[in-house]
Protein backbone atom coordinates (compact mmCIF):
# COMPACT_ATOMS: atom_id res chain seq x y z
CA MET A 1 269.95 184.34 305.15
CA ILE A 2 266.75 182.45 304.53
CA ASP A 3 264.26 180.80 306.81
CA ALA A 4 265.18 177.10 306.75
CA ARG A 5 261.58 176.19 307.54
CA LEU A 6 260.47 177.22 304.06
CA PRO A 7 260.22 174.42 301.47
CA VAL A 8 262.06 176.41 298.77
CA HIS A 9 265.23 176.16 300.90
CA ALA A 10 265.96 172.67 299.54
CA ALA A 11 265.95 173.93 295.94
CA ILE A 12 268.24 176.93 296.45
CA PRO A 13 271.60 175.11 295.87
CA ALA A 14 270.39 173.68 292.54
CA LEU A 15 269.01 177.05 291.50
CA LEU A 16 272.25 178.88 292.24
CA ASP A 17 274.29 176.22 290.41
CA ALA A 18 272.04 176.53 287.36
CA LEU A 19 272.44 180.30 287.30
CA ARG A 20 276.22 180.03 287.58
CA GLN A 21 276.35 177.54 284.68
CA THR A 22 273.64 178.73 282.27
CA ARG A 23 272.63 182.16 283.69
CA ARG A 24 269.00 181.11 283.33
CA ALA A 25 266.58 178.93 285.32
CA VAL A 26 262.90 178.06 285.72
CA LEU A 27 261.82 177.47 289.31
CA GLN A 28 258.66 175.52 290.06
CA ALA A 29 257.46 175.87 293.63
CA PRO A 30 253.95 175.49 295.06
CA PRO A 31 252.13 178.31 296.85
CA GLY A 32 253.62 178.98 300.26
CA ALA A 33 257.06 177.56 299.39
CA GLY A 34 258.66 180.95 299.97
CA LYS A 35 260.07 181.59 296.49
CA THR A 36 258.98 185.25 296.29
CA THR A 37 260.87 186.41 299.37
CA VAL A 38 263.66 183.83 299.55
CA VAL A 39 265.06 183.61 295.99
CA PRO A 40 266.06 187.29 295.52
CA LEU A 41 267.81 187.39 298.92
CA GLU A 42 269.65 184.13 298.24
CA MET A 43 270.80 185.36 294.83
CA LEU A 44 272.06 188.53 296.46
CA GLY A 45 273.83 186.63 299.23
CA ALA A 46 275.50 184.29 296.74
CA GLY A 47 277.11 187.24 294.94
CA LEU A 48 275.94 186.09 291.52
CA THR A 49 275.91 189.62 290.15
CA ALA A 50 277.19 193.05 291.07
CA GLY A 51 274.15 194.69 289.51
CA ARG A 52 270.69 195.23 290.90
CA ILE A 53 268.22 192.36 291.01
CA LEU A 54 264.82 193.23 289.55
CA MET A 55 261.83 191.09 290.49
CA LEU A 56 258.56 191.50 288.61
CA GLU A 57 255.24 191.13 290.35
CA PRO A 58 251.86 191.15 288.55
CA ARG A 59 250.16 193.39 291.16
CA ARG A 60 251.10 196.50 293.11
CA LEU A 61 250.06 195.04 296.46
CA ALA A 62 252.22 191.95 295.92
CA ALA A 63 255.21 194.07 294.90
CA ARG A 64 255.00 196.28 297.95
CA ALA A 65 254.29 193.41 300.34
CA ALA A 66 257.22 191.35 298.99
CA ALA A 67 259.61 194.29 299.40
CA GLU A 68 258.42 194.93 302.95
CA ARG A 69 258.73 191.28 303.92
CA MET A 70 262.26 190.97 302.54
CA SER A 71 263.25 194.25 304.21
CA GLY A 72 261.87 192.91 307.49
CA THR A 73 263.98 189.76 307.09
CA LEU A 74 267.05 191.99 306.86
CA GLY A 75 265.94 194.17 309.76
CA GLU A 76 265.60 197.18 307.46
CA ARG A 77 262.94 199.44 306.02
CA PRO A 78 261.92 199.38 302.33
CA GLY A 79 264.17 201.59 300.25
CA GLN A 80 267.42 200.36 301.76
CA THR A 81 268.77 197.02 300.50
CA VAL A 82 265.33 196.08 299.19
CA GLY A 83 263.01 198.60 297.56
CA TYR A 84 260.00 198.73 295.29
CA ARG A 85 258.73 200.76 292.37
CA ILE A 86 255.04 200.75 291.50
CA ARG A 87 252.74 203.17 289.72
CA GLY A 88 252.40 206.34 291.73
CA THR A 89 255.07 205.64 294.36
CA SER A 90 258.49 204.12 294.94
CA GLN A 91 260.90 203.38 297.76
CA VAL A 92 264.41 203.02 296.35
CA SER A 93 267.80 204.56 297.10
CA GLU A 94 271.40 204.37 295.94
CA SER A 95 271.93 201.44 298.31
CA THR A 96 269.00 199.40 296.89
CA ARG A 97 270.20 196.05 295.51
CA ILE A 98 266.86 194.29 295.09
CA GLU A 99 264.06 196.23 293.42
CA VAL A 100 260.54 194.79 293.21
CA VAL A 101 258.57 196.34 290.35
CA THR A 102 255.27 195.83 288.60
CA GLU A 103 255.48 194.38 285.12
CA GLY A 104 254.76 197.48 283.05
CA ILE A 105 257.63 199.33 284.71
CA LEU A 106 260.16 196.83 283.35
CA THR A 107 259.00 197.56 279.80
CA ARG A 108 259.50 201.30 280.32
CA MET A 109 262.96 200.68 281.79
CA ILE A 110 263.99 198.56 278.80
CA GLN A 111 262.62 200.98 276.21
CA SER A 112 264.56 203.85 277.79
CA ASP A 113 267.74 201.78 278.33
CA PRO A 114 267.92 198.66 276.11
CA GLU A 115 271.09 197.45 277.82
CA LEU A 116 269.51 197.59 281.32
CA ALA A 117 272.66 199.23 282.63
CA GLY A 118 273.19 198.50 286.31
CA VAL A 119 270.79 195.55 286.32
CA GLY A 120 272.34 192.13 286.81
CA ALA A 121 269.29 189.87 287.09
CA VAL A 122 265.60 189.85 286.29
CA ILE A 123 263.19 187.52 288.11
CA PHE A 124 259.71 186.94 286.71
CA ASP A 125 257.59 185.95 289.71
CA GLU A 126 254.22 184.24 289.25
CA PHE A 127 254.92 183.80 285.55
CA HIS A 128 252.09 181.28 285.35
CA GLU A 129 249.65 184.21 285.28
CA ARG A 130 250.93 184.90 281.72
CA SER A 131 250.11 188.59 281.67
CA LEU A 132 250.80 190.48 278.46
CA ASN A 133 253.44 192.62 280.16
CA ALA A 134 255.22 189.58 281.59
CA ASP A 135 255.31 187.82 278.20
CA LEU A 136 256.62 191.00 276.56
CA GLY A 137 259.13 191.60 279.35
CA LEU A 138 260.55 188.07 279.06
CA ALA A 139 260.80 188.36 275.26
CA LEU A 140 262.63 191.69 275.54
CA CYS A 141 264.99 190.35 278.21
CA LEU A 142 265.82 187.30 276.08
CA GLU A 143 266.60 189.66 273.19
CA ILE A 144 268.84 191.76 275.41
CA ALA A 145 270.62 188.73 276.87
CA GLY A 146 271.20 187.29 273.40
CA ALA A 147 272.45 190.45 271.70
CA LEU A 148 273.73 192.89 274.32
CA ARG A 149 274.06 191.34 277.78
CA ASP A 150 275.24 187.74 277.91
CA ASP A 151 275.86 188.29 281.63
CA LEU A 152 272.17 189.01 282.41
CA LEU A 153 270.63 186.47 284.78
CA LEU A 154 267.02 185.44 284.02
CA VAL A 155 264.73 183.45 286.32
CA ALA A 156 261.08 182.54 285.73
CA MET A 157 259.22 181.39 288.86
CA SER A 158 255.81 179.78 288.95
CA ALA A 159 253.49 177.74 291.12
CA THR A 160 251.29 176.02 288.54
CA LEU A 161 252.87 176.65 285.13
CA ASP A 162 253.68 173.83 282.74
CA ALA A 163 257.39 174.59 282.96
CA ALA A 164 258.68 172.65 279.93
CA PRO A 165 257.71 175.21 277.22
CA VAL A 166 259.14 178.11 279.24
CA ALA A 167 262.37 176.21 279.91
CA GLU A 168 262.70 175.38 276.21
CA LEU A 169 262.14 179.02 275.22
CA MET A 170 264.72 180.25 277.73
CA GLY A 171 267.18 177.40 277.21
CA ALA A 172 267.08 176.87 280.95
CA PRO A 173 266.91 173.93 283.36
CA VAL A 174 263.82 173.37 285.52
CA ILE A 175 264.38 173.39 289.27
CA THR A 176 261.53 172.01 291.40
CA ALA A 177 260.85 172.77 295.04
CA GLN A 178 258.52 170.41 296.84
CA GLY A 179 255.79 171.98 298.95
CA ARG A 180 255.10 171.19 302.55
CA ALA A 181 251.45 172.10 302.92
CA TYR A 182 249.07 170.69 305.49
CA PRO A 183 246.21 168.53 304.22
CA VAL A 184 243.08 170.35 303.09
CA THR A 185 239.60 168.80 303.08
CA ILE A 186 237.49 169.81 300.07
CA ARG A 187 233.73 170.19 300.46
CA HIS A 188 231.61 170.59 297.33
CA LEU A 189 227.99 171.53 296.95
CA PRO A 190 225.70 168.48 296.93
CA ARG A 191 224.28 169.57 293.56
CA PRO A 192 224.91 172.37 291.02
CA LEU A 193 223.40 175.76 291.73
CA ARG A 194 220.10 176.50 290.04
CA LYS A 195 220.41 178.86 287.09
CA ASP A 196 218.20 181.47 288.77
CA THR A 197 220.31 181.52 291.96
CA ARG A 198 221.92 184.87 292.64
CA PHE A 199 225.67 184.41 292.96
CA GLU A 200 226.16 186.78 295.88
CA THR A 201 223.35 185.13 297.86
CA ALA A 202 224.77 181.65 297.30
CA MET A 203 228.23 182.80 298.23
CA ALA A 204 227.05 184.50 301.43
CA ASP A 205 225.20 181.31 302.41
CA LEU A 206 228.33 179.20 301.85
CA VAL A 207 230.55 181.59 303.82
CA ALA A 208 228.06 181.60 306.71
CA ARG A 209 228.03 177.80 306.67
CA ALA A 210 231.85 177.67 306.67
CA ALA A 211 231.97 180.08 309.61
CA ALA A 212 229.55 177.90 311.58
CA GLU A 213 231.36 174.62 310.86
CA THR A 214 235.01 175.63 311.24
CA GLU A 215 237.51 177.64 313.27
CA GLY A 216 240.24 180.06 312.26
CA GLY A 217 240.53 182.74 309.61
CA ILE A 218 238.41 182.50 306.45
CA LEU A 219 239.49 183.58 302.96
CA ALA A 220 236.65 183.85 300.43
CA PHE A 221 237.45 184.33 296.73
CA LEU A 222 235.16 186.61 294.72
CA PRO A 223 235.62 187.96 291.19
CA GLY A 224 235.61 191.69 291.90
CA GLU A 225 235.06 194.67 294.14
CA GLY A 226 231.32 194.86 293.49
CA GLU A 227 230.77 191.26 294.54
CA ILE A 228 232.92 191.82 297.63
CA ARG A 229 230.78 194.75 298.71
CA ARG A 230 227.50 192.92 298.11
CA VAL A 231 228.54 189.70 299.84
CA GLY A 232 229.93 191.70 302.74
CA ALA A 233 226.59 193.50 303.12
CA LEU A 234 224.70 190.19 303.11
CA LEU A 235 226.98 188.75 305.81
CA ARG A 236 227.03 191.74 308.13
CA ASP A 237 224.34 190.36 310.46
CA ARG A 238 225.01 186.64 309.93
CA LEU A 239 228.44 186.25 311.52
CA PRO A 240 229.52 186.09 315.17
CA PRO A 241 230.24 189.49 316.76
CA ASP A 242 233.98 188.75 317.02
CA CYS A 243 234.30 188.00 313.26
CA ARG A 244 235.76 191.00 311.40
CA ILE A 245 235.10 191.32 307.65
CA ARG A 246 238.14 192.54 305.72
CA PRO A 247 237.90 193.30 301.97
CA LEU A 248 240.98 192.83 299.80
CA TYR A 249 241.23 194.01 296.19
CA GLY A 250 243.69 195.96 294.07
CA ALA A 251 242.05 199.39 294.22
CA LEU A 252 241.68 199.35 298.01
CA PRO A 253 243.82 201.87 299.93
CA PHE A 254 247.06 200.23 301.02
CA ALA A 255 246.35 200.67 304.73
CA GLU A 256 243.18 198.59 304.34
CA GLN A 257 245.03 196.03 302.23
CA ARG A 258 247.64 195.72 304.96
CA ALA A 259 244.88 195.21 307.58
CA ALA A 260 243.48 192.31 305.56
CA ILE A 261 246.88 190.64 305.27
CA ALA A 262 248.07 191.12 308.87
CA PRO A 263 247.15 188.58 311.57
CA GLN A 264 244.22 189.62 313.75
CA ALA A 265 244.99 190.00 317.45
CA GLY A 266 241.65 188.74 318.73
CA GLY A 267 238.52 187.17 317.35
CA ARG A 268 238.14 185.80 313.86
CA LYS A 269 238.87 187.31 310.45
CA LEU A 270 236.94 186.91 307.18
CA VAL A 271 238.86 188.18 304.15
CA LEU A 272 236.70 188.77 301.07
CA ALA A 273 239.29 188.87 298.28
CA THR A 274 239.74 188.86 294.55
CA ALA A 275 242.35 186.70 292.81
CA ILE A 276 244.92 189.09 294.27
CA ALA A 277 245.11 186.65 297.21
CA GLU A 278 245.83 183.57 295.07
CA THR A 279 249.60 184.02 294.88
CA SER A 280 252.51 186.08 296.22
CA LEU A 281 250.68 187.32 299.34
CA THR A 282 250.91 185.56 302.68
CA ILE A 283 247.81 185.76 304.89
CA GLU A 284 249.12 183.83 307.83
CA ASP A 285 246.04 183.09 309.92
CA ILE A 286 243.85 181.54 307.22
CA ARG A 287 242.49 178.05 307.94
CA VAL A 288 239.41 178.03 305.68
CA VAL A 289 238.94 178.92 302.01
CA VAL A 290 235.57 179.53 300.34
CA ASP A 291 235.98 179.51 296.56
CA GLY A 292 233.22 181.17 294.54
CA GLY A 293 234.57 179.53 291.38
CA ARG A 294 234.80 182.72 289.34
CA ALA A 295 237.70 184.79 288.08
CA ARG A 296 237.94 188.10 286.27
CA ARG A 297 240.26 188.28 283.27
CA ALA A 298 241.29 190.81 280.65
CA ARG A 299 239.65 190.17 277.28
CA PHE A 300 239.57 192.26 274.15
CA ASP A 301 236.14 193.84 274.05
CA PRO A 302 235.04 194.82 270.53
CA ALA A 303 232.30 196.88 272.18
CA SER A 304 234.73 199.32 273.76
CA GLY A 305 237.67 198.84 271.41
CA MET A 306 239.89 198.05 274.40
CA SER A 307 240.50 195.26 276.89
CA ARG A 308 237.84 194.83 279.53
CA LEU A 309 237.61 192.55 282.55
CA VAL A 310 235.17 189.68 282.06
CA THR A 311 233.99 187.14 284.62
CA GLU A 312 234.64 183.48 283.83
CA ARG A 313 234.80 180.15 285.63
CA VAL A 314 238.05 179.36 287.37
CA THR A 315 240.42 176.79 285.93
CA ARG A 316 241.60 173.71 287.77
CA ALA A 317 245.01 175.34 288.31
CA GLU A 318 243.41 178.39 289.92
CA ALA A 319 241.15 176.24 292.09
CA THR A 320 244.22 174.34 293.29
CA GLN A 321 246.01 177.60 294.08
CA ARG A 322 243.07 178.85 296.11
CA MET A 323 242.64 175.57 297.97
CA GLY A 324 246.32 175.66 298.99
CA ARG A 325 245.75 178.86 300.94
CA ALA A 326 243.84 176.85 303.55
CA GLY A 327 246.79 174.56 304.31
CA ARG A 328 249.55 177.02 305.01
CA VAL A 329 249.62 176.98 308.84
CA ALA A 330 247.56 173.92 309.81
CA GLU A 331 245.06 171.44 308.42
CA GLY A 332 242.38 173.32 306.57
CA VAL A 333 239.05 173.15 304.76
CA CYS A 334 238.13 174.40 301.30
CA TYR A 335 234.46 174.97 300.43
CA ARG A 336 233.69 175.15 296.70
CA LEU A 337 230.60 176.79 295.23
CA TRP A 338 230.14 174.00 292.71
CA ALA A 339 229.35 170.31 292.68
CA ARG A 340 232.05 167.67 292.36
CA GLY A 341 230.66 166.58 289.00
CA GLU A 342 231.21 170.06 287.53
CA GLU A 343 234.98 169.92 287.91
CA GLY A 344 235.46 167.94 284.72
CA ALA A 345 234.22 170.92 282.73
CA LEU A 346 236.87 173.28 284.15
CA ALA A 347 239.78 174.19 281.88
CA ALA A 348 243.22 173.07 283.03
CA TYR A 349 244.93 176.47 282.94
CA PRO A 350 243.82 180.05 282.32
CA PRO A 351 244.66 181.32 278.82
CA ALA A 352 247.62 183.60 278.29
CA GLU A 353 246.54 187.24 278.13
CA ILE A 354 248.28 187.61 274.75
CA GLU A 355 245.71 185.19 273.29
CA ALA A 356 242.63 187.18 274.27
CA ALA A 357 243.49 190.75 275.25
CA ASP A 358 243.73 193.90 273.14
CA LEU A 359 247.12 194.02 271.37
CA THR A 360 247.31 197.76 270.65
CA ALA A 361 249.74 198.53 273.47
CA LEU A 362 251.85 195.49 272.53
CA ALA A 363 251.99 196.62 268.89
CA LEU A 364 253.13 200.07 270.00
CA GLU A 365 255.86 198.68 272.25
CA LEU A 366 257.17 196.42 269.46
CA ALA A 367 257.20 199.36 267.06
CA ILE A 368 259.31 201.31 269.55
CA TRP A 369 261.58 198.28 269.95
CA GLY A 370 261.80 198.01 266.15
CA ALA A 371 260.86 194.35 265.81
CA GLU A 372 258.15 192.29 264.14
CA PRO A 373 256.22 189.96 266.47
CA GLU A 374 257.35 186.82 264.61
CA ALA A 375 260.98 187.78 265.27
CA MET A 376 260.48 188.01 269.03
CA PRO A 377 260.88 185.05 271.43
CA PHE A 378 257.27 184.94 272.62
CA LEU A 379 256.08 181.89 274.51
CA THR A 380 252.72 182.40 272.76
CA PRO A 381 252.89 184.48 269.55
CA PRO A 382 250.18 187.12 269.09
CA ASN A 383 247.38 186.38 266.63
CA PRO A 384 248.44 187.91 263.26
CA GLY A 385 244.94 189.18 262.47
CA HIS A 386 244.47 190.82 265.85
CA PHE A 387 247.96 192.31 265.63
CA ALA A 388 247.21 193.78 262.20
CA GLU A 389 244.03 195.39 263.57
CA ALA A 390 246.04 196.88 266.43
CA ARG A 391 248.53 198.39 264.00
CA ALA A 392 245.73 199.84 261.88
CA LEU A 393 244.36 201.62 264.95
CA LEU A 394 247.82 202.98 265.83
CA ARG A 395 248.17 204.37 262.30
CA MET A 396 244.75 205.96 262.69
CA LEU A 397 245.91 207.61 265.92
CA GLY A 398 249.10 208.88 264.32
CA ALA A 399 251.27 206.66 266.54
CA LEU A 400 252.69 204.81 263.50
CA ASP A 401 253.50 206.21 260.09
CA ALA A 402 252.50 204.70 256.76
CA ARG A 403 255.49 202.32 256.89
CA GLY A 404 254.58 201.11 260.37
CA ALA A 405 257.42 202.95 262.11
CA VAL A 406 256.72 204.64 265.42
CA THR A 407 256.28 208.41 265.38
CA ALA A 408 257.24 210.92 268.06
CA HIS A 409 253.54 211.05 268.96
CA GLY A 410 253.55 207.26 269.37
CA ARG A 411 256.48 207.41 271.76
CA ALA A 412 254.63 210.00 273.81
CA LEU A 413 251.55 207.76 273.94
CA ALA A 414 253.58 204.79 275.18
CA ALA A 415 254.86 206.85 278.10
CA LEU A 416 251.33 207.44 279.40
CA PRO A 417 249.71 204.80 281.69
CA LEU A 418 246.64 204.47 279.44
CA HIS A 419 245.35 202.51 276.49
CA PRO A 420 246.72 204.22 273.33
CA ARG A 421 243.20 205.42 272.45
CA LEU A 422 242.88 207.29 275.72
CA ALA A 423 246.53 208.37 275.75
CA HIS A 424 245.97 209.95 272.31
CA MET A 425 242.94 211.82 273.62
CA LEU A 426 244.83 213.09 276.67
CA ARG A 427 247.88 214.01 274.64
CA CYS A 428 245.83 216.01 272.13
CA ALA A 429 243.18 217.58 274.38
CA GLY A 430 245.33 218.03 277.48
CA ALA A 431 244.15 218.16 281.08
CA GLN A 432 240.54 218.86 280.09
CA ALA A 433 240.32 215.24 278.87
CA ALA A 434 241.57 213.71 282.14
CA PRO A 435 238.10 213.03 283.69
CA LEU A 436 236.86 211.43 280.46
CA ALA A 437 240.01 209.31 280.11
CA ALA A 438 239.65 208.07 283.69
CA LEU A 439 235.94 207.37 283.16
CA LEU A 440 236.46 205.39 279.96
CA ALA A 441 239.29 203.37 281.52
CA GLU A 442 237.13 202.31 284.50
CA ARG A 443 234.19 199.94 284.62
CA ASP A 444 230.88 201.80 284.42
CA PRO A 445 230.26 203.26 287.91
CA LEU A 446 226.52 203.63 287.36
CA ALA A 447 223.81 201.01 286.90
CA ARG A 448 223.09 200.75 283.19
CA GLY A 449 219.59 201.50 282.02
CA GLY A 450 217.83 200.29 278.90
CA GLY A 451 219.02 203.03 276.55
CA SER A 452 222.40 204.32 275.56
CA VAL A 453 224.54 206.23 278.03
CA ASP A 454 225.48 209.84 277.37
CA LEU A 455 229.08 210.35 278.42
CA ALA A 456 228.34 213.88 279.59
CA LEU A 457 225.82 212.48 282.07
CA ARG A 458 228.41 209.98 283.28
CA LEU A 459 230.91 212.77 283.82
CA SER A 460 228.41 214.91 285.71
CA ALA A 461 227.68 211.94 287.99
CA LEU A 462 231.27 212.04 289.20
CA GLY A 463 230.44 215.26 291.03
CA GLU A 464 227.06 214.23 292.43
CA PRO A 465 226.68 210.45 292.17
CA PRO A 466 223.16 209.00 292.31
CA PRO A 467 222.23 206.47 295.04
CA ASP A 468 222.84 203.43 292.80
CA ALA A 469 226.38 204.51 291.86
CA ASP A 470 229.46 202.47 292.64
CA ARG A 471 231.07 204.88 295.09
CA GLY A 472 234.36 203.03 295.10
CA ALA A 473 234.66 203.24 291.31
CA ILE A 474 233.77 206.94 291.33
CA ALA A 475 236.42 207.63 293.98
CA ARG A 476 239.02 205.82 291.84
CA ILE A 477 237.96 207.78 288.74
CA ARG A 478 238.32 211.07 290.59
CA THR A 479 241.77 210.12 291.88
CA GLU A 480 242.93 208.90 288.48
CA ALA A 481 241.52 211.99 286.77
CA GLY A 482 243.59 214.19 289.06
CA ARG A 483 246.73 212.20 288.37
CA LEU A 484 246.19 212.27 284.60
CA ALA A 485 245.48 216.01 284.68
CA ARG A 486 248.80 216.62 286.43
CA THR A 487 250.56 214.43 283.85
CA ALA A 488 248.96 216.38 281.00
CA ARG A 489 249.89 219.72 282.51
CA ARG A 490 253.52 218.63 282.87
CA ALA A 491 253.50 217.97 279.11
CA GLY A 492 252.79 221.68 278.65
CA LYS A 493 252.70 223.01 275.13
CA GLY A 494 254.05 219.75 273.78
CA GLY A 495 250.84 218.06 274.81
CA ALA A 496 247.43 219.60 274.09
CA ARG A 497 246.76 220.41 270.42
CA PHE A 498 243.24 221.80 270.86
CA ASP A 499 241.71 224.50 273.04
CA GLU A 500 238.50 223.93 275.00
CA MET A 501 236.61 220.93 273.61
CA GLY A 502 233.26 219.31 274.23
CA VAL A 503 232.85 215.72 275.40
CA GLY A 504 231.94 214.51 271.91
CA ALA A 505 235.02 216.02 270.30
CA MET A 506 237.30 214.52 272.95
CA ALA A 507 235.63 211.12 272.54
CA ALA A 508 236.24 211.35 268.79
CA LEU A 509 239.96 211.69 269.47
CA ALA A 510 239.92 208.34 271.28
CA TYR A 511 237.46 206.73 268.87
CA PRO A 512 238.11 208.09 265.37
CA ASP A 513 236.70 204.82 263.99
CA ARG A 514 233.43 205.23 265.94
CA VAL A 515 232.16 208.59 264.67
CA GLY A 516 228.65 207.90 263.38
CA LEU A 517 226.66 209.75 260.74
CA ARG A 518 222.89 209.21 260.89
CA ARG A 519 221.49 207.30 257.93
CA ALA A 520 218.38 208.43 256.10
CA GLY A 521 215.06 207.21 257.52
CA ASP A 522 213.13 207.30 260.76
CA GLU A 523 215.20 204.75 262.67
CA PRO A 524 218.28 205.99 264.60
CA ARG A 525 220.75 204.01 262.49
CA TYR A 526 224.30 205.21 261.93
CA LEU A 527 227.24 204.53 259.64
CA LEU A 528 230.47 204.61 261.63
CA SER A 529 233.66 206.09 260.22
CA GLY A 530 235.36 202.70 260.48
CA GLY A 531 232.84 201.27 258.02
CA ALA A 532 230.55 199.38 260.42
CA GLY A 533 226.88 200.05 261.10
CA ALA A 534 225.31 200.83 264.48
CA VAL A 535 221.88 201.60 265.88
CA LEU A 536 220.58 203.41 268.94
CA PRO A 537 217.65 201.96 270.90
CA GLU A 538 214.23 203.26 269.85
CA GLY A 539 213.31 206.42 271.74
CA ASP A 540 216.89 207.12 272.82
CA PRO A 541 217.43 210.85 273.54
CA LEU A 542 220.41 210.89 271.17
CA GLY A 543 218.46 209.26 268.34
CA GLY A 544 217.89 212.55 266.54
CA ALA A 545 221.55 213.57 266.47
CA ARG A 546 223.12 213.68 263.02
CA LEU A 547 226.64 213.04 264.30
CA ILE A 548 227.57 210.92 267.36
CA VAL A 549 230.60 209.17 268.80
CA ALA A 550 229.92 205.59 269.95
CA THR A 551 232.32 204.50 272.69
CA ASP A 552 230.56 201.27 273.65
CA LEU A 553 228.86 198.82 271.28
CA ASP A 554 227.35 195.40 271.92
CA GLY A 555 229.73 193.65 269.52
CA ASP A 556 227.24 192.71 266.76
CA ARG A 557 229.38 192.77 263.61
CA ARG A 558 226.47 193.44 261.24
CA GLU A 559 224.82 196.33 263.06
CA ALA A 560 225.96 196.92 266.62
CA ARG A 561 223.70 198.36 269.29
CA ILE A 562 225.15 201.55 270.78
CA ARG A 563 225.40 201.37 274.57
CA GLN A 564 227.46 204.47 275.29
CA SER A 565 227.82 207.56 273.13
CA ARG A 566 227.95 211.31 272.93
CA ARG A 567 226.34 213.77 270.55
CA GLY A 568 229.01 215.09 268.21
CA GLU A 569 229.75 218.78 268.00
CA ARG A 570 229.99 218.93 264.21
CA GLY A 571 233.00 221.12 263.66
CA ARG A 572 234.90 220.01 266.72
CA THR A 573 234.25 216.30 266.21
CA ALA A 574 235.27 216.49 262.58
CA ARG A 575 238.50 218.35 263.31
CA ALA A 576 239.36 215.89 266.07
CA LEU A 577 239.60 213.12 263.50
CA CYS A 578 242.64 214.58 261.81
CA PRO A 579 245.46 212.12 262.65
CA ARG A 580 248.17 214.78 262.37
CA HIS A 581 245.96 217.25 264.26
CA ARG A 582 245.88 219.79 261.43
CA LEU A 583 242.72 221.79 261.09
CA ALA A 584 242.79 221.90 257.30
CA ARG A 585 240.59 219.53 255.32
CA PRO A 586 238.66 217.97 258.20
CA LEU A 587 235.96 215.31 257.94
CA ARG A 588 233.57 215.83 255.04
CA LEU A 589 230.04 214.58 255.44
CA GLY A 590 228.21 212.86 252.61
CA PRO A 591 224.51 212.10 253.18
CA ALA A 592 224.48 208.76 251.40
CA ARG A 593 227.95 207.32 251.85
CA GLY A 594 228.65 208.42 255.40
CA PRO A 595 231.81 209.98 256.85
CA ARG A 596 234.63 210.50 254.40
CA TYR A 597 238.02 211.71 255.53
CA ARG A 598 240.48 213.35 253.15
CA PRO A 599 243.77 213.68 255.00
CA PRO A 600 246.39 216.26 254.15
CA ALA A 601 249.29 215.12 252.01
CA GLY A 602 251.47 212.63 253.84
CA ALA A 603 248.94 211.93 256.57
CA VAL A 604 247.70 208.44 257.34
CA ARG A 605 244.25 207.44 256.14
CA HIS A 606 241.70 206.11 258.56
CA ALA A 607 241.02 202.40 258.22
CA GLY A 608 237.74 201.89 256.42
CA ALA A 609 237.33 205.51 255.40
CA ARG A 610 236.36 206.26 251.83
């Protein structure tokens, strides 16, 4: 059933034997070994289980591409033997035996059916990326296998992971597949970049040099969509006429993603890609890699109260992954945008997302599951302090009760594809909050000025964006806003708790701990309802407002600088703070001590409120 030319073929007998004996295995195989498309088909062909085989992929493009490639191997279309399920679309049928899903979908499946009825095996592909959803999914599956389903097959697959800790956690043997890559020549910069060098300019220069010195397709790694657009613009007149620039990032329409992956009939192809091209995807005609040395990761951002993507240096494991893309079809070359002497400062592996990301969604999922984090088989346990903060926020939102048990409102929040802050806002305010939820979930689509940003101005820019706006981000926000509005409308009367609301009141629903009351004095200093202090820049248009909602702060723990806010509509903003959404006894304002909330009997107090 499999292509014998793929290196993973040699490891398949050992893998199948391990699954027959222990029902668990860890497979190590380098990039290009074929594990993503070979292992599920071989498990199906071996008849190891009568149930469906689920395979988790960290990205939607990888999930869809893997399903299409396996379906092509069988001479079928997706949705027959092999299907996929990703956010917004799916191709499955009653005959589907292998289902490729994104990681968050597995969690929803388990929470709605803890026994995973009809599922015989779960494969965690690219587990080395250590996403929060993958760590949670593996922990939940180990719980299920230990208590409810001793017949459930579990496989963790990785290219660069240190396999021993995962194998110990799973109680599984490690199976190793040797790669068969062509040699790749590495070319570093002669000296480190100067500190004042613009990244996009340096990257465009290196790509142009690689194009002049080599032949074949080029894959250039950049941290995000903005950098891809800027580097592409710089290269437009510097490449040969037959060289086609193809962007590749997660938010790109699938037709354009497919064009970047597919071989080019004539001429030369330059793919400007994010880390989406590091693993899982096969771009067959690549001979040259240009590595910008940067990666974007999810980190908890105290400024926004949620996880945000931050740009960091790549690790040695990531650099190795990227280099390997140049040696898939022939000898290749990898250009690195750093000097050889800088490699010693690179970390060995990227950190697990559970160590650095916001834990609010994780705390909500564990509350629904009914387990404490220390009782779960996590490869990396969550930080107790960060987890306690996440629970405090969930109590503030009414998602947990005073005992820490999940409420009906909390279950409804978990079903929405948003951070719990934004899900709470959408659930309470309904479809009117969809544009704001989409805006707050996306990176800022406008160039930031020196003062704070009024959310109402950001929302108005979605209709008529200024020249310096990120058009791609605005298009995504519009699309997501429409989807969220439809979701809210389907909730009907069980959703929205308030009639028409202003932007400030809706923002207060998402940020009940960020409602600021102006302190006495001439300076625009505020006391936030969570107990912290904050200040607006001098001369800011919102500086005279008595009540504001700060949705973005600079992270200073003593007195944060407000970077994004909205003037509060006094009555509306105060009522929005009620965690049980009752209109009695709303926020009371005291001129000296700041916001004080007196909840109705039985309601949960806001953290830090007096």
